[in-house]
């Protein structure tokens, strides 16, 4: 009876981990056709979080500028919504036009398509940024370390 429990409690051996139909996964990004290190390789969570933080700081600066230009004071009542809108617009436009946000540019990162499309379109960039804005989807990662927003949109954050 112990042998029966041992077969499923110990889990599969490391060589069988993951879905065999997707190919080997010796390093993060291998199944996606990305290199193990250097330009084009997947980026860790720490650098992605730092890039988002830099983008938020930029949005806060722009929000303060917009707020100082508002003579009626109506934007001050909705400051958090204005900051979120600025951050979303920066994320969508910059990923679509340049493949990176300002924070990602500062850290040498970019968003690339992993489903063999030429670039990340405006729709995919919008879905990706809106999911990051919700925070929770970005916490769920796959075996490669990509967040749910990247899996859903067929993208990945890589080194430039």
N, C-alpha and C. Protein backbone atom coordinates (compact mmCIF):
# COMPACT_ATOMS: atom_id res chain seq x y z
N UNK A 1 0.82 -1.19 0.00
CA UNK A 1 0.00 0.00 0.00
C UNK A 1 0.86 1.25 0.00
N UNK A 2 1.99 1.23 0.70
CA UNK A 2 2.88 2.39 0.72
C UNK A 2 3.41 2.69 -0.68
N UNK A 3 3.60 1.65 -1.45
CA UNK A 3 4.10 1.83 -2.79
C UNK A 3 3.08 2.58 -3.66
N UNK A 4 1.81 2.30 -3.47
CA UNK A 4 0.76 2.98 -4.21
C UNK A 4 0.74 4.46 -3.88
N UNK A 5 0.83 4.80 -2.59
CA UNK A 5 0.84 6.20 -2.20
C UNK A 5 2.10 6.91 -2.69
N UNK A 6 3.23 6.23 -2.63
CA UNK A 6 4.50 6.83 -3.04
C UNK A 6 4.51 7.20 -4.51
N UNK A 7 3.76 6.49 -5.32
CA UNK A 7 3.79 6.77 -6.75
C UNK A 7 3.13 8.10 -7.10
N UNK A 8 2.12 8.48 -6.37
CA UNK A 8 1.48 9.74 -6.71
C UNK A 8 1.86 10.86 -5.76
N UNK A 9 2.28 10.57 -4.55
CA UNK A 9 2.68 11.62 -3.62
C UNK A 9 4.00 12.27 -4.01
N UNK A 10 4.90 11.50 -4.55
CA UNK A 10 6.20 12.04 -4.90
C UNK A 10 6.16 12.88 -6.17
N UNK A 11 5.11 12.76 -6.95
CA UNK A 11 4.99 13.54 -8.17
C UNK A 11 5.79 12.94 -9.30
N UNK A 12 5.69 13.54 -10.48
CA UNK A 12 6.43 13.00 -11.62
C UNK A 12 7.90 13.33 -11.50
N UNK A 13 8.75 12.55 -12.12
CA UNK A 13 10.17 12.87 -12.11
C UNK A 13 10.44 14.17 -12.87
N UNK A 14 11.52 14.87 -12.58
CA UNK A 14 11.80 16.16 -13.22
C UNK A 14 11.84 16.10 -14.74
N UNK A 15 12.28 14.99 -15.31
CA UNK A 15 12.36 14.91 -16.77
C UNK A 15 10.98 14.91 -17.42
N UNK A 16 9.93 14.57 -16.68
CA UNK A 16 8.59 14.52 -17.23
C UNK A 16 7.77 15.75 -16.87
N UNK A 17 8.37 16.73 -16.21
CA UNK A 17 7.62 17.92 -15.78
C UNK A 17 7.15 18.70 -16.99
N UNK A 18 5.95 19.25 -16.90
CA UNK A 18 5.39 20.05 -17.98
C UNK A 18 4.68 19.19 -19.01
N UNK A 19 4.16 19.82 -20.01
CA UNK A 19 3.45 19.14 -21.07
C UNK A 19 4.44 18.69 -22.14
N UNK A 20 4.51 17.41 -22.41
CA UNK A 20 5.49 16.88 -23.36
C UNK A 20 5.22 17.37 -24.78
N UNK A 21 3.98 17.71 -25.09
CA UNK A 21 3.66 18.17 -26.44
C UNK A 21 4.24 19.55 -26.72
N UNK A 22 4.58 20.29 -25.67
CA UNK A 22 5.14 21.63 -25.84
C UNK A 22 6.66 21.60 -26.01
N UNK A 23 7.27 20.47 -25.90
CA UNK A 23 8.71 20.37 -26.06
C UNK A 23 9.43 20.53 -24.75
N UNK A 24 10.77 20.51 -24.80
CA UNK A 24 11.55 20.59 -23.56
C UNK A 24 11.46 21.98 -22.93
N UNK A 25 11.74 22.02 -21.63
CA UNK A 25 11.72 23.29 -20.91
C UNK A 25 12.90 23.29 -19.93
N UNK A 26 14.12 23.26 -20.47
CA UNK A 26 15.30 23.26 -19.63
C UNK A 26 15.56 24.61 -18.98
N UNK A 27 15.05 25.68 -19.58
CA UNK A 27 15.18 27.03 -19.03
C UNK A 27 13.93 27.83 -19.40
N UNK A 28 13.71 28.91 -18.68
CA UNK A 28 12.52 29.73 -18.93
C UNK A 28 12.59 30.33 -20.33
N UNK A 29 11.54 30.09 -21.11
CA UNK A 29 11.45 30.64 -22.45
C UNK A 29 11.86 29.69 -23.55
N UNK A 30 12.36 28.52 -23.21
CA UNK A 30 12.80 27.58 -24.25
C UNK A 30 11.63 27.14 -25.13
N UNK A 31 10.49 26.83 -24.51
CA UNK A 31 9.31 26.42 -25.29
C UNK A 31 8.80 27.53 -26.19
N UNK A 32 9.12 28.78 -25.83
CA UNK A 32 8.67 29.92 -26.62
C UNK A 32 9.64 30.26 -27.74
N UNK A 33 10.77 29.56 -27.77
CA UNK A 33 11.77 29.83 -28.79
C UNK A 33 12.67 31.00 -28.44
N UNK A 34 12.75 31.33 -27.16
CA UNK A 34 13.59 32.45 -26.71
C UNK A 34 14.93 31.93 -26.22
N UNK A 35 15.98 32.74 -26.32
CA UNK A 35 17.29 32.30 -25.84
C UNK A 35 17.34 32.20 -24.31
N UNK A 36 18.33 31.47 -23.81
CA UNK A 36 18.47 31.28 -22.37
C UNK A 36 18.95 32.55 -21.67
N UNK A 37 19.85 33.31 -22.31
CA UNK A 37 20.36 34.54 -21.71
C UNK A 37 20.66 35.54 -22.82
N UNK A 38 20.91 36.77 -22.41
CA UNK A 38 21.22 37.82 -23.37
C UNK A 38 19.97 38.45 -23.96
N UNK A 39 20.13 39.24 -25.03
CA UNK A 39 18.99 39.90 -25.67
C UNK A 39 17.94 38.90 -26.14
N UNK A 40 16.70 39.18 -25.85
CA UNK A 40 15.60 38.31 -26.24
C UNK A 40 15.24 37.25 -25.22
N UNK A 41 15.98 37.17 -24.11
CA UNK A 41 15.66 36.18 -23.08
C UNK A 41 14.64 36.77 -22.11
N UNK A 42 13.87 35.89 -21.47
CA UNK A 42 12.84 36.33 -20.53
C UNK A 42 13.45 37.05 -19.34
N UNK A 43 12.70 37.98 -18.79
CA UNK A 43 13.14 38.80 -17.67
C UNK A 43 12.48 38.31 -16.39
N UNK A 44 13.17 38.43 -15.28
CA UNK A 44 12.63 38.03 -14.00
C UNK A 44 11.58 38.99 -13.47
N UNK A 45 10.89 38.56 -12.44
CA UNK A 45 9.81 39.35 -11.85
C UNK A 45 10.29 40.67 -11.27
N UNK A 46 11.45 40.68 -10.64
CA UNK A 46 11.95 41.88 -9.99
C UNK A 46 12.12 43.05 -10.95
N UNK A 47 12.69 42.80 -12.11
CA UNK A 47 12.89 43.87 -13.08
C UNK A 47 11.56 44.33 -13.68
N UNK A 48 10.62 43.41 -13.84
CA UNK A 48 9.30 43.81 -14.36
C UNK A 48 8.57 44.69 -13.36
N UNK A 49 8.65 44.34 -12.07
CA UNK A 49 8.00 45.14 -11.03
C UNK A 49 8.64 46.52 -10.95
N UNK A 50 9.95 46.58 -11.04
CA UNK A 50 10.65 47.88 -11.02
C UNK A 50 10.25 48.73 -12.21
N UNK A 51 10.09 48.12 -13.38
CA UNK A 51 9.66 48.87 -14.57
C UNK A 51 8.25 49.43 -14.39
N UNK A 52 7.35 48.64 -13.82
CA UNK A 52 5.98 49.13 -13.57
C UNK A 52 6.01 50.27 -12.55
N UNK A 53 6.86 50.16 -11.55
CA UNK A 53 6.99 51.22 -10.55
C UNK A 53 7.47 52.52 -11.20
N UNK A 54 8.46 52.42 -12.08
CA UNK A 54 8.92 53.61 -12.79
C UNK A 54 7.82 54.22 -13.65
N UNK A 55 7.04 53.37 -14.30
CA UNK A 55 5.92 53.87 -15.10
C UNK A 55 4.89 54.59 -14.22
N UNK A 56 4.64 54.06 -13.02
CA UNK A 56 3.70 54.71 -12.11
C UNK A 56 4.24 56.07 -11.67
N UNK A 57 5.53 56.14 -11.40
CA UNK A 57 6.11 57.43 -11.01
C UNK A 57 6.00 58.46 -12.13
N UNK A 58 6.20 58.02 -13.35
CA UNK A 58 6.03 58.91 -14.51
C UNK A 58 4.58 59.36 -14.62
N UNK A 59 3.64 58.44 -14.44
CA UNK A 59 2.22 58.79 -14.50
C UNK A 59 1.86 59.78 -13.38
N UNK A 60 2.46 59.58 -12.20
CA UNK A 60 2.19 60.51 -11.10
C UNK A 60 2.72 61.90 -11.43
N UNK A 61 3.90 61.98 -12.05
CA UNK A 61 4.45 63.28 -12.44
C UNK A 61 3.57 63.97 -13.47
N UNK A 62 3.13 63.21 -14.48
CA UNK A 62 2.24 63.78 -15.49
C UNK A 62 0.89 64.16 -14.88
N UNK A 63 0.42 63.36 -13.94
CA UNK A 63 -0.84 63.68 -13.26
C UNK A 63 -0.72 64.96 -12.46
N UNK A 64 0.40 65.18 -11.82
CA UNK A 64 0.61 66.43 -11.08
C UNK A 64 0.65 67.61 -12.02
N UNK A 65 1.27 67.42 -13.18
CA UNK A 65 1.31 68.49 -14.18
C UNK A 65 -0.08 68.82 -14.68
N UNK A 66 -0.85 67.78 -14.99
CA UNK A 66 -2.23 67.99 -15.46
C UNK A 66 -3.06 68.64 -14.36
N UNK A 67 -2.87 68.19 -13.13
CA UNK A 67 -3.61 68.76 -12.01
C UNK A 67 -3.29 70.22 -11.77
N UNK A 68 -2.04 70.61 -12.01
CA UNK A 68 -1.67 72.02 -11.81
C UNK A 68 -2.24 72.91 -12.91
N UNK A 69 -2.53 72.32 -14.07
CA UNK A 69 -3.13 73.08 -15.16
C UNK A 69 -4.64 73.20 -15.03
N UNK A 70 -5.24 72.39 -14.17
CA UNK A 70 -6.69 72.38 -13.97
C UNK A 70 -7.09 73.48 -13.00
N UNK A 71 -7.65 74.54 -13.50
CA UNK A 71 -8.03 75.70 -12.67
C UNK A 71 -9.35 75.49 -11.92
N UNK A 72 -10.17 74.56 -12.41
CA UNK A 72 -11.48 74.36 -11.77
C UNK A 72 -11.39 73.42 -10.57
N UNK A 73 -10.37 72.60 -10.52
CA UNK A 73 -10.22 71.67 -9.40
C UNK A 73 -11.01 70.38 -9.55
N UNK A 74 -11.60 70.16 -10.71
CA UNK A 74 -12.41 68.95 -10.89
C UNK A 74 -11.55 67.69 -10.96
N UNK A 75 -10.33 67.80 -11.50
CA UNK A 75 -9.47 66.62 -11.58
C UNK A 75 -8.95 66.20 -10.21
N UNK A 76 -8.82 67.15 -9.31
CA UNK A 76 -8.34 66.82 -7.96
C UNK A 76 -9.31 65.88 -7.25
N UNK A 77 -10.59 65.96 -7.58
CA UNK A 77 -11.59 65.09 -6.97
C UNK A 77 -11.45 63.64 -7.45
N UNK A 78 -10.84 63.45 -8.60
CA UNK A 78 -10.71 62.13 -9.21
C UNK A 78 -9.25 61.81 -9.52
N UNK A 79 -8.38 62.20 -8.62
CA UNK A 79 -6.94 62.06 -8.86
C UNK A 79 -6.51 60.62 -9.16
N UNK A 80 -6.99 59.66 -8.39
CA UNK A 80 -6.55 58.27 -8.61
C UNK A 80 -7.03 57.76 -9.97
N UNK A 81 -8.22 58.15 -10.39
CA UNK A 81 -8.72 57.73 -11.70
C UNK A 81 -7.91 58.38 -12.81
N UNK A 82 -7.54 59.64 -12.63
CA UNK A 82 -6.72 60.33 -13.63
C UNK A 82 -5.35 59.67 -13.74
N UNK A 83 -4.74 59.34 -12.61
CA UNK A 83 -3.43 58.68 -12.63
C UNK A 83 -3.52 57.32 -13.32
N UNK A 84 -4.55 56.58 -13.03
CA UNK A 84 -4.73 55.26 -13.66
C UNK A 84 -4.91 55.43 -15.17
N UNK A 85 -5.69 56.40 -15.58
CA UNK A 85 -5.92 56.63 -17.02
C UNK A 85 -4.62 57.03 -17.72
N UNK A 86 -3.84 57.89 -17.09
CA UNK A 86 -2.55 58.29 -17.67
C UNK A 86 -1.64 57.08 -17.80
N UNK A 87 -1.57 56.25 -16.76
CA UNK A 87 -0.72 55.07 -16.78
C UNK A 87 -1.15 54.09 -17.88
N UNK A 88 -2.46 53.89 -18.02
CA UNK A 88 -2.98 52.98 -19.05
C UNK A 88 -2.65 53.51 -20.45
N UNK A 89 -2.85 54.80 -20.67
CA UNK A 89 -2.57 55.38 -21.99
C UNK A 89 -1.08 55.28 -22.31
N UNK A 90 -0.22 55.60 -21.34
CA UNK A 90 1.22 55.47 -21.56
C UNK A 90 1.57 54.03 -21.93
N UNK A 91 1.02 53.08 -21.20
CA UNK A 91 1.32 51.67 -21.45
C UNK A 91 0.85 51.20 -22.81
N UNK A 92 -0.36 51.54 -23.19
CA UNK A 92 -0.90 51.08 -24.47
C UNK A 92 -0.15 51.72 -25.64
N UNK A 93 -0.03 53.03 -25.60
CA UNK A 93 0.59 53.74 -26.73
C UNK A 93 2.07 53.38 -26.88
N UNK A 94 2.79 53.36 -25.78
CA UNK A 94 4.23 53.10 -25.89
C UNK A 94 4.54 51.65 -26.28
N UNK A 95 3.77 50.68 -25.77
CA UNK A 95 4.01 49.29 -26.17
C UNK A 95 3.65 49.10 -27.64
N UNK A 96 2.60 49.73 -28.08
CA UNK A 96 2.21 49.61 -29.50
C UNK A 96 3.23 50.26 -30.42
N UNK A 97 3.68 51.47 -30.07
CA UNK A 97 4.58 52.19 -30.96
C UNK A 97 6.05 51.76 -30.85
N UNK A 98 6.51 51.50 -29.63
CA UNK A 98 7.94 51.28 -29.41
C UNK A 98 8.29 49.90 -28.87
N UNK A 99 7.34 49.10 -28.47
CA UNK A 99 7.47 47.78 -27.84
C UNK A 99 7.96 47.85 -26.40
N UNK A 100 8.00 49.02 -25.80
CA UNK A 100 8.38 49.14 -24.39
C UNK A 100 7.76 50.39 -23.80
N UNK A 101 7.55 50.34 -22.48
CA UNK A 101 7.09 51.51 -21.75
C UNK A 101 8.32 52.31 -21.31
N UNK A 102 8.15 53.52 -20.82
CA UNK A 102 9.31 54.28 -20.36
C UNK A 102 10.10 53.56 -19.25
N UNK A 103 9.41 52.91 -18.34
CA UNK A 103 10.09 52.16 -17.29
C UNK A 103 10.87 50.98 -17.84
N UNK A 104 10.29 50.31 -18.83
CA UNK A 104 10.98 49.19 -19.47
C UNK A 104 12.19 49.69 -20.26
N UNK A 105 12.07 50.85 -20.88
CA UNK A 105 13.19 51.44 -21.60
C UNK A 105 14.37 51.69 -20.66
N UNK A 106 14.08 52.24 -19.48
CA UNK A 106 15.12 52.54 -18.50
C UNK A 106 15.85 51.29 -18.03
N UNK A 107 15.15 50.15 -18.02
CA UNK A 107 15.75 48.90 -17.54
C UNK A 107 16.18 47.96 -18.66
N UNK A 108 16.06 48.40 -19.90
CA UNK A 108 16.49 47.56 -21.02
C UNK A 108 15.58 46.40 -21.32
N UNK A 109 14.26 46.61 -21.20
CA UNK A 109 13.28 45.55 -21.44
C UNK A 109 12.40 45.93 -22.62
N UNK A 110 11.69 44.95 -23.16
CA UNK A 110 10.69 45.22 -24.17
C UNK A 110 9.64 44.12 -24.18
N UNK A 111 8.50 44.41 -24.76
CA UNK A 111 7.40 43.45 -24.89
C UNK A 111 7.43 42.94 -26.32
N UNK A 112 7.51 41.62 -26.47
CA UNK A 112 7.54 41.03 -27.81
C UNK A 112 6.41 40.02 -27.96
N UNK A 113 6.05 39.79 -29.19
CA UNK A 113 5.04 38.79 -29.52
C UNK A 113 5.71 37.43 -29.60
N UNK A 114 5.14 36.43 -28.95
CA UNK A 114 5.71 35.08 -29.02
C UNK A 114 4.88 34.16 -29.90
N UNK A 115 3.85 34.69 -30.53
CA UNK A 115 3.02 33.87 -31.40
C UNK A 115 3.28 34.18 -32.88
N UNK A 116 4.51 34.59 -33.16
CA UNK A 116 5.00 34.78 -34.52
C UNK A 116 4.29 35.90 -35.28
N UNK A 117 3.78 36.88 -34.56
CA UNK A 117 3.23 38.06 -35.21
C UNK A 117 4.34 39.11 -35.28
N UNK A 118 4.21 40.04 -36.19
CA UNK A 118 5.26 41.03 -36.39
C UNK A 118 5.41 41.95 -35.18
N UNK A 119 4.32 42.41 -34.62
CA UNK A 119 4.38 43.34 -33.50
C UNK A 119 3.16 43.15 -32.60
N UNK A 120 3.19 43.83 -31.46
CA UNK A 120 2.07 43.80 -30.53
C UNK A 120 1.10 44.88 -30.97
N UNK A 121 -0.10 44.49 -31.36
CA UNK A 121 -1.09 45.45 -31.84
C UNK A 121 -1.73 46.23 -30.70
N UNK A 122 -2.52 47.22 -31.07
CA UNK A 122 -3.16 48.10 -30.09
C UNK A 122 -4.13 47.32 -29.21
N UNK A 123 -4.84 46.36 -29.77
CA UNK A 123 -5.79 45.57 -28.98
C UNK A 123 -5.09 44.71 -27.94
N UNK A 124 -4.05 44.02 -28.36
CA UNK A 124 -3.30 43.18 -27.41
C UNK A 124 -2.59 44.04 -26.37
N UNK A 125 -2.07 45.19 -26.79
CA UNK A 125 -1.42 46.09 -25.82
C UNK A 125 -2.44 46.59 -24.80
N UNK A 126 -3.66 46.89 -25.24
CA UNK A 126 -4.69 47.38 -24.33
C UNK A 126 -5.10 46.29 -23.34
N UNK A 127 -5.34 45.08 -23.83
CA UNK A 127 -5.72 43.98 -22.93
C UNK A 127 -4.62 43.72 -21.92
N UNK A 128 -3.38 43.72 -22.39
CA UNK A 128 -2.24 43.45 -21.52
C UNK A 128 -2.12 44.49 -20.41
N UNK A 129 -2.21 45.76 -20.76
CA UNK A 129 -2.07 46.84 -19.77
C UNK A 129 -3.25 46.84 -18.80
N UNK A 130 -4.45 46.59 -19.29
CA UNK A 130 -5.60 46.56 -18.40
C UNK A 130 -5.53 45.41 -17.41
N UNK A 131 -5.01 44.27 -17.83
CA UNK A 131 -4.83 43.15 -16.90
C UNK A 131 -3.74 43.45 -15.87
N UNK A 132 -2.68 44.13 -16.28
CA UNK A 132 -1.65 44.53 -15.33
C UNK A 132 -2.23 45.52 -14.33
N UNK A 133 -3.11 46.39 -14.79
CA UNK A 133 -3.74 47.38 -13.90
C UNK A 133 -4.58 46.70 -12.82
N UNK A 134 -5.13 45.54 -13.12
CA UNK A 134 -5.90 44.80 -12.13
C UNK A 134 -5.02 44.11 -11.08
N UNK A 135 -3.73 44.03 -11.31
CA UNK A 135 -2.69 43.47 -10.44
C UNK A 135 -2.81 41.96 -10.27
N UNK A 136 -3.95 41.44 -9.93
CA UNK A 136 -4.10 40.01 -9.63
C UNK A 136 -3.67 39.12 -10.79
N UNK A 137 -4.09 39.37 -12.05
CA UNK A 137 -3.66 38.48 -13.14
C UNK A 137 -2.13 38.41 -13.29
N UNK A 138 -1.44 39.49 -12.98
CA UNK A 138 0.01 39.49 -13.12
C UNK A 138 0.69 38.60 -12.08
N UNK A 139 -0.01 38.26 -11.02
CA UNK A 139 0.56 37.41 -9.98
C UNK A 139 0.56 35.93 -10.35
N UNK A 140 -0.27 35.54 -11.28
CA UNK A 140 -0.36 34.15 -11.71
C UNK A 140 0.59 33.94 -12.89
N UNK A 141 1.63 33.14 -12.67
CA UNK A 141 2.62 32.94 -13.71
C UNK A 141 2.65 31.49 -14.16
N UNK A 142 3.19 31.28 -15.35
CA UNK A 142 3.33 29.93 -15.88
C UNK A 142 4.74 29.41 -15.60
N UNK A 143 5.08 28.28 -16.17
CA UNK A 143 6.39 27.66 -15.93
C UNK A 143 7.53 28.54 -16.42
N UNK A 144 7.26 29.42 -17.37
CA UNK A 144 8.29 30.31 -17.89
C UNK A 144 8.39 31.61 -17.11
N UNK A 145 7.49 31.83 -16.16
CA UNK A 145 7.51 33.05 -15.37
C UNK A 145 6.72 34.19 -16.00
N UNK A 146 6.00 33.91 -17.08
CA UNK A 146 5.17 34.95 -17.70
C UNK A 146 3.86 35.06 -16.94
N UNK A 147 3.39 36.29 -16.76
CA UNK A 147 2.13 36.52 -16.09
C UNK A 147 0.95 36.15 -16.98
N UNK A 148 -0.23 36.09 -16.37
CA UNK A 148 -1.45 35.74 -17.11
C UNK A 148 -1.68 36.72 -18.25
N UNK A 149 -1.35 38.00 -18.05
CA UNK A 149 -1.57 38.99 -19.11
C UNK A 149 -0.72 38.67 -20.34
N UNK A 150 0.48 38.15 -20.13
CA UNK A 150 1.32 37.78 -21.26
C UNK A 150 0.85 36.49 -21.93
N UNK A 151 0.41 35.54 -21.14
CA UNK A 151 -0.10 34.29 -21.72
C UNK A 151 -1.35 34.54 -22.56
N UNK A 152 -2.25 35.38 -22.04
CA UNK A 152 -3.50 35.65 -22.73
C UNK A 152 -3.27 36.41 -24.04
N UNK A 153 -2.31 37.32 -24.05
CA UNK A 153 -2.09 38.15 -25.24
C UNK A 153 -0.98 37.63 -26.16
N UNK A 154 -0.34 36.53 -25.78
CA UNK A 154 0.71 35.97 -26.63
C UNK A 154 1.96 36.84 -26.67
N UNK A 155 2.32 37.41 -25.52
CA UNK A 155 3.49 38.28 -25.44
C UNK A 155 4.44 37.80 -24.34
N UNK A 156 5.60 38.44 -24.29
CA UNK A 156 6.56 38.16 -23.22
C UNK A 156 7.42 39.41 -23.04
N UNK A 157 7.88 39.63 -21.80
CA UNK A 157 8.80 40.73 -21.52
C UNK A 157 10.20 40.15 -21.57
N UNK A 158 11.02 40.70 -22.45
CA UNK A 158 12.37 40.19 -22.68
C UNK A 158 13.40 41.32 -22.58
N UNK A 159 14.67 40.92 -22.51
CA UNK A 159 15.76 41.90 -22.52
C UNK A 159 15.92 42.44 -23.93
N UNK A 160 16.26 43.75 -24.02
CA UNK A 160 16.51 44.35 -25.35
C UNK A 160 17.93 44.09 -25.77
